[in-house]
Amino acid sequence: MKAREDVEKLEKLTGQLNSLHAEVAALAKKSPNDGVNAFKLKLINKVLELGNQILGEKYRPFPDFEAFESDDLPSTSDVTMVLGQYIEEAERFRSDNVVYEGGWHYQVNGSASNVRAAPPSKIGRK
């Protein structure tokens, strides 16, 4: 990551992905084949677009996937699966960008920043 703003964007992305995943997974348990309504899909797509920007080519889960088609509403189970993949890759990206120096910190411009981080959960995958 190049700046503290990148850390903030990543933190926002992971929070939004986890929240959306929890919401859609609850819907998928009740009716896995039901379509996601247009309002929710618009919000989900905004988060996925942000994810694509932050994760870049290396960490994007699906190179040929940008967002869900609004004309063809995906099922709740489809959305749950895709969000889960983005969560995994966001955590891999985060894990690859934290270092231990008297505690876990985000790495910015190649060195530890003063922004504290949770320990990495995906070690040695860089």
Protein backbone atom coordinates (compact mmCIF):
# COMPACT_ATOMS: atom_id res chain seq x y z
CA MET A 1 0.00 0.00 0.00
CA LYS A 2 1.23 3.44 -0.82
CA ALA A 3 -0.61 5.64 1.69
CA ARG A 4 -2.65 5.60 4.87
CA GLU A 5 -5.71 6.24 2.70
CA ASP A 6 -5.13 2.82 1.10
CA VAL A 7 -5.31 1.22 4.54
CA GLU A 8 -8.55 3.06 5.26
CA LYS A 9 -10.03 1.92 1.94
CA LEU A 10 -9.07 -1.69 2.67
CA GLU A 11 -10.59 -1.52 6.16
CA LYS A 12 -13.79 -0.07 4.71
CA LEU A 13 -13.89 -2.76 2.02
CA THR A 14 -13.48 -5.64 4.47
CA GLY A 15 -16.19 -4.25 6.74
CA GLN A 16 -18.61 -3.82 3.86
CA LEU A 17 -17.85 -7.24 2.38
CA ASN A 18 -18.39 -8.97 5.72
CA SER A 19 -21.62 -7.11 6.39
CA LEU A 20 -23.05 -7.78 2.93
CA HIS A 21 -22.01 -11.41 3.11
CA ALA A 22 -23.79 -11.88 6.44
CA GLU A 23 -26.96 -10.22 5.14
CA VAL A 24 -27.11 -12.14 1.86
CA ALA A 25 -26.09 -15.44 3.49
CA ALA A 26 -29.09 -15.12 5.82
CA LEU A 27 -31.34 -14.62 2.78
CA ALA A 28 -29.67 -17.54 0.99
CA LYS A 29 -30.41 -19.89 3.88
CA LYS A 30 -34.11 -19.16 3.57
CA SER A 31 -34.34 -19.04 -0.24
CA PRO A 32 -31.06 -19.81 -2.04
CA ASN A 33 -32.56 -19.53 -5.53
CA ASP A 34 -34.37 -16.22 -5.02
CA GLY A 35 -32.95 -13.24 -6.89
CA VAL A 36 -31.35 -10.29 -5.11
CA ASN A 37 -33.44 -7.15 -5.57
CA ALA A 38 -32.14 -4.29 -7.71
CA PHE A 39 -31.48 -1.97 -4.76
CA LYS A 40 -29.30 -4.48 -2.92
CA LEU A 41 -27.56 -5.49 -6.13
CA LYS A 42 -26.61 -1.88 -6.83
CA LEU A 43 -24.97 -1.60 -3.39
CA ILE A 44 -23.25 -4.97 -3.74
CA ASN A 45 -21.85 -3.96 -7.13
CA LYS A 46 -20.45 -0.72 -5.70
CA VAL A 47 -18.57 -2.68 -3.05
CA LEU A 48 -17.30 -5.18 -5.64
CA GLU A 49 -16.08 -2.33 -7.85
CA LEU A 50 -14.19 -0.87 -4.89
CA GLY A 51 -12.81 -4.34 -4.20
CA ASN A 52 -11.59 -4.70 -7.77
CA GLN A 53 -9.77 -1.35 -7.49
CA ILE A 54 -8.16 -2.13 -4.15
CA LEU A 55 -7.27 -5.77 -4.79
CA GLY A 56 -5.89 -5.24 -8.29
CA GLU A 57 -5.12 -8.05 -10.71
CA LYS A 58 -3.03 -10.06 -8.25
CA TYR A 59 -5.72 -10.43 -5.59
CA ARG A 60 -8.98 -10.22 -7.53
CA PRO A 61 -10.73 -13.56 -7.11
CA PHE A 62 -12.00 -13.75 -10.70
CA PRO A 63 -10.05 -11.93 -13.43
CA ASP A 64 -13.03 -11.82 -15.79
CA PHE A 65 -15.61 -10.72 -13.20
CA GLU A 66 -16.31 -7.04 -12.63
CA ALA A 67 -19.80 -6.96 -11.11
CA PHE A 68 -23.18 -8.66 -11.34
CA GLU A 69 -25.37 -7.90 -14.34
CA SER A 70 -28.33 -5.74 -13.31
CA ASP A 71 -30.45 -7.16 -16.14
CA ASP A 72 -29.99 -10.73 -14.90
CA LEU A 73 -30.53 -10.65 -11.13
CA PRO A 74 -28.25 -13.23 -9.47
CA SER A 75 -29.52 -15.62 -6.82
CA THR A 76 -28.73 -15.06 -3.16
CA SER A 77 -26.54 -18.17 -3.18
CA ASP A 78 -24.54 -16.83 -6.17
CA VAL A 79 -23.96 -13.52 -4.43
CA THR A 80 -22.99 -15.27 -1.18
CA MET A 81 -20.39 -17.36 -3.02
CA VAL A 82 -18.84 -14.38 -4.82
CA LEU A 83 -18.75 -12.21 -1.69
CA GLY A 84 -17.05 -15.06 0.17
CA GLN A 85 -14.33 -15.19 -2.48
CA TYR A 86 -13.78 -11.43 -2.22
CA ILE A 87 -13.56 -11.71 1.57
CA GLU A 88 -10.86 -14.38 1.27
CA GLU A 89 -8.81 -12.38 -1.21
CA ALA A 90 -9.18 -9.14 0.76
CA GLU A 91 -7.81 -10.96 3.80
CA ARG A 92 -4.93 -12.39 1.77
CA PHE A 93 -4.13 -8.87 0.54
CA ARG A 94 -4.36 -7.51 4.10
CA SER A 95 -2.20 -10.33 5.47
CA ASP A 96 0.45 -9.67 2.84
CA ASN A 97 0.55 -6.02 3.91
CA VAL A 98 1.01 -6.27 7.67
CA VAL A 99 4.33 -6.58 9.46
CA TYR A 100 5.38 -7.19 13.04
CA GLU A 101 7.43 -4.44 14.65
CA GLY A 102 6.63 -4.36 18.35
CA GLY A 103 3.09 -5.24 17.33
CA TRP A 104 1.26 -5.75 14.07
CA HIS A 105 1.15 -2.73 11.76
CA TYR A 106 0.14 -2.08 8.18
CA GLN A 107 3.02 -1.79 5.76
CA VAL A 108 2.93 1.46 3.81
CA ASN A 109 5.55 2.26 1.17
CA GLY A 110 7.58 -0.81 2.12
CA SER A 111 7.89 -0.17 5.85
CA ALA A 112 5.78 -0.45 8.99
CA SER A 113 3.40 2.44 9.51
CA ASN A 114 1.92 3.66 12.79
CA VAL A 115 -1.45 2.10 11.84
CA ARG A 116 -2.06 -0.96 14.00
CA ALA A 117 -3.38 -4.12 12.38
CA ALA A 118 -4.74 -7.48 13.42
CA PRO A 119 -2.30 -10.37 13.00
CA PRO A 120 -2.28 -11.89 9.51
CA SER A 121 -4.38 -14.98 8.99
CA LYS A 122 -2.83 -15.94 5.65
CA ILE A 123 0.91 -16.23 6.36
CA GLY A 124 3.55 -16.90 3.73
CA ARG A 125 1.43 -16.52 0.63
CA LYS A 126 2.97 -13.42 -0.92
